[in-house]
Amino acid sequence: MQRKSFGNMQCPIARSLERVGEWWSILILRDAFYGLTRFDEFQKHLDIAPNMLTRRLNALVEEGLLERHLYCEKPPRHEYRLTQRGRDFRPVLLALMAWGNQHFAPEGASVLLLDTATGKSADPVLIDSTTGKRISEKDHVMGPGPAAAEPILQRFARAASVTSK
């Protein structure tokens, strides 16, 4: 069965899922943030089939989230390092971690975000960088951007008419 591509959709969430929506990709990025760089490290830590790991690493390199660096010429061996685009994924991982700790860890959190100065647990939240205000359902809604095509404009117009009733 052919997988549906989200790459040409105008939705930023769909486009992002096209790049990282496969769970192995997110786990590989997580492990790259933990400091893993080599194929055998990823394979051992994730217990992933080599052919699947090869495909996921190639896709992450292709999408510009990881870059490949040769560390051994014979045989050729590469390290995989986060690019700036890959490092910019960190807040998404932190949000997933916090959500998972809140809703899917009945035994308690196994991984926390820690403040380096105090060593205390930190709670990642989204804030508006312009106002410094915490993003909330009450104060913030999604709306069409300047590049929104007609289907997106219609979707938000429909949503606005439903909520105003």
Protein backbone atom coordinates (compact mmCIF):
# COMPACT_ATOMS: atom_id res chain seq x y z
CA MET A 1 0.00 0.00 0.00
CA GLN A 2 1.32 3.43 -1.03
CA ARG A 3 1.79 5.86 1.85
CA LYS A 4 0.05 9.22 1.46
CA SER A 5 2.43 12.16 1.14
CA PHE A 6 1.74 15.31 3.14
CA GLY A 7 4.65 17.27 1.65
CA ASN A 8 2.56 19.32 -0.75
CA MET A 9 -0.21 20.18 1.70
CA GLN A 10 -0.19 23.80 2.80
CA CYS A 11 -0.68 22.85 6.47
CA PRO A 12 2.56 23.28 8.50
CA ILE A 13 1.60 20.35 10.73
CA ALA A 14 1.15 18.05 7.72
CA ARG A 15 4.44 19.23 6.20
CA SER A 16 6.24 18.62 9.48
CA LEU A 17 4.74 15.13 9.76
CA GLU A 18 6.05 14.40 6.26
CA ARG A 19 9.56 14.92 7.68
CA VAL A 20 9.32 13.39 11.15
CA GLY A 21 5.93 11.68 11.44
CA GLU A 22 7.26 8.14 11.35
CA TRP A 23 7.96 7.10 14.95
CA TRP A 24 11.46 5.78 14.26
CA SER A 25 12.43 9.25 12.99
CA ILE A 26 11.37 10.91 16.22
CA LEU A 27 13.18 8.28 18.30
CA ILE A 28 16.34 8.69 16.21
CA LEU A 29 16.18 12.46 16.74
CA ARG A 30 15.64 11.90 20.47
CA ASP A 31 18.73 9.69 20.59
CA ALA A 32 20.73 12.25 18.60
CA PHE A 33 19.85 14.77 21.34
CA TYR A 34 21.09 12.20 23.88
CA GLY A 35 24.43 12.32 22.04
CA LEU A 36 24.28 9.22 19.86
CA THR A 37 25.89 9.71 16.45
CA ARG A 38 26.83 6.34 15.00
CA PHE A 39 24.75 3.76 13.16
CA ASP A 40 25.61 0.95 15.60
CA GLU A 41 24.72 3.16 18.60
CA PHE A 42 21.30 3.98 17.16
CA GLN A 43 20.71 0.35 16.21
CA LYS A 44 21.67 -1.00 19.62
CA HIS A 45 19.75 1.61 21.60
CA LEU A 46 16.58 1.41 19.50
CA ASP A 47 16.74 -2.30 18.65
CA ILE A 48 15.77 -1.35 15.09
CA ALA A 49 16.32 -3.43 11.96
CA PRO A 50 19.39 -2.21 10.01
CA ASN A 51 17.43 -1.67 6.77
CA MET A 52 14.81 0.44 8.59
CA LEU A 53 17.52 2.46 10.37
CA THR A 54 19.29 3.06 7.06
CA ARG A 55 16.06 4.33 5.47
CA ARG A 56 15.20 6.59 8.41
CA LEU A 57 18.73 8.04 8.67
CA ASN A 58 18.81 8.69 4.92
CA ALA A 59 15.42 10.41 5.10
CA LEU A 60 16.49 12.59 8.04
CA VAL A 61 19.66 13.57 6.16
CA GLU A 62 17.61 14.27 3.01
CA GLU A 63 15.22 16.49 4.98
CA GLY A 64 18.11 18.42 6.52
CA LEU A 65 17.57 17.34 10.14
CA LEU A 66 20.80 15.32 10.34
CA GLU A 67 24.06 15.58 8.45
CA ARG A 68 26.39 12.74 7.64
CA HIS A 69 30.11 13.01 8.53
CA LEU A 70 32.70 10.44 7.46
CA TYR A 71 34.73 9.24 10.45
CA CYS A 72 36.34 6.13 8.91
CA GLU A 73 37.36 5.68 5.28
CA LYS A 74 37.94 1.90 5.17
CA PRO A 75 35.32 0.71 5.48
CA PRO A 76 33.37 3.96 5.05
CA ARG A 77 31.60 4.82 8.31
CA HIS A 78 29.55 7.91 9.06
CA GLU A 79 28.40 9.82 12.09
CA TYR A 80 25.02 11.52 12.05
CA ARG A 81 24.87 14.95 13.66
CA LEU A 82 21.96 17.27 14.21
CA THR A 83 21.75 20.25 11.89
CA GLN A 84 20.26 23.55 13.01
CA ARG A 85 16.93 22.36 11.59
CA GLY A 86 17.29 19.19 13.66
CA ARG A 87 18.22 21.14 16.81
CA ASP A 88 15.14 23.31 16.26
CA PHE A 89 13.06 20.14 16.78
CA ARG A 90 14.07 20.07 20.48
CA PRO A 91 11.03 22.01 21.78
CA VAL A 92 8.76 19.51 20.01
CA LEU A 93 10.53 16.61 21.75
CA LEU A 94 10.33 18.38 25.11
CA ALA A 95 6.60 18.98 24.62
CA LEU A 96 6.09 15.29 23.73
CA MET A 97 8.10 14.27 26.79
CA ALA A 98 6.05 16.50 29.12
CA TRP A 99 2.77 15.30 27.58
CA GLY A 100 3.87 11.67 27.89
CA ASN A 101 4.93 12.16 31.52
CA GLN A 102 1.59 13.79 32.32
CA HIS A 103 -0.69 11.29 30.58
CA PHE A 104 1.13 8.01 29.99
CA ALA A 105 3.48 7.43 32.93
CA PRO A 106 1.39 5.95 35.77
CA GLU A 107 4.62 4.82 37.45
CA GLY A 108 5.97 8.39 37.35
CA ALA A 109 8.30 10.29 35.05
CA SER A 110 11.33 8.38 33.80
CA VAL A 111 12.92 11.39 32.07
CA LEU A 112 12.70 15.02 33.16
CA LEU A 113 13.85 18.37 31.87
CA LEU A 114 16.27 19.76 34.45
CA ASP A 115 17.42 23.32 35.07
CA THR A 116 21.22 23.24 34.72
CA ALA A 117 21.72 25.94 37.37
CA THR A 118 19.52 24.40 40.09
CA GLY A 119 19.21 20.75 39.06
CA LYS A 120 15.47 21.06 39.66
CA SER A 121 12.79 19.79 37.32
CA ALA A 122 11.59 22.33 34.74
CA ASP A 123 8.15 22.34 33.12
CA PRO A 124 8.37 23.12 29.38
CA VAL A 125 5.58 25.40 28.17
CA LEU A 126 4.94 27.37 25.00
CA ILE A 127 5.14 31.13 25.24
CA ASP A 128 4.57 33.93 22.77
CA SER A 129 8.05 35.33 22.17
CA THR A 130 6.59 38.78 21.49
CA THR A 131 4.57 39.17 24.70
CA GLY A 132 6.18 36.54 26.93
CA LYS A 133 2.64 35.31 27.62
CA ARG A 134 2.04 31.58 28.05
CA ILE A 135 0.13 30.07 25.08
CA SER A 136 -3.31 28.97 26.25
CA GLU A 137 -6.51 27.72 24.69
CA LYS A 138 -8.35 30.68 26.19
CA ASP A 139 -6.04 33.39 24.82
CA HIS A 140 -4.76 31.94 21.53
CA VAL A 141 -6.35 30.38 18.45
CA MET A 142 -5.00 29.26 15.12
CA GLY A 143 -5.80 31.41 12.13
CA PRO A 144 -4.83 31.78 8.48
CA GLY A 145 -1.40 33.12 7.68
CA PRO A 146 -0.45 35.51 4.90
CA ALA A 147 0.25 32.62 2.49
CA ALA A 148 -3.02 30.78 3.24
CA ALA A 149 -4.71 29.36 0.14
CA GLU A 150 -8.48 29.33 -0.32
CA PRO A 151 -9.12 25.93 1.36
CA ILE A 152 -7.39 27.14 4.54
CA LEU A 153 -9.26 30.45 4.48
CA GLN A 154 -12.53 28.55 4.11
CA ARG A 155 -11.66 26.17 6.96
CA PHE A 156 -11.03 29.05 9.35
CA ALA A 157 -14.12 30.93 8.13
CA ARG A 158 -16.24 27.81 8.83
CA ALA A 159 -14.67 27.40 12.26
CA ALA A 160 -15.32 31.07 13.09
CA SER A 161 -18.97 30.81 12.06
CA VAL A 162 -19.46 27.72 14.25
CA THR A 163 -17.86 29.30 17.33
CA SER A 164 -19.77 32.59 16.96
CA LYS A 165 -23.14 30.82 17.19
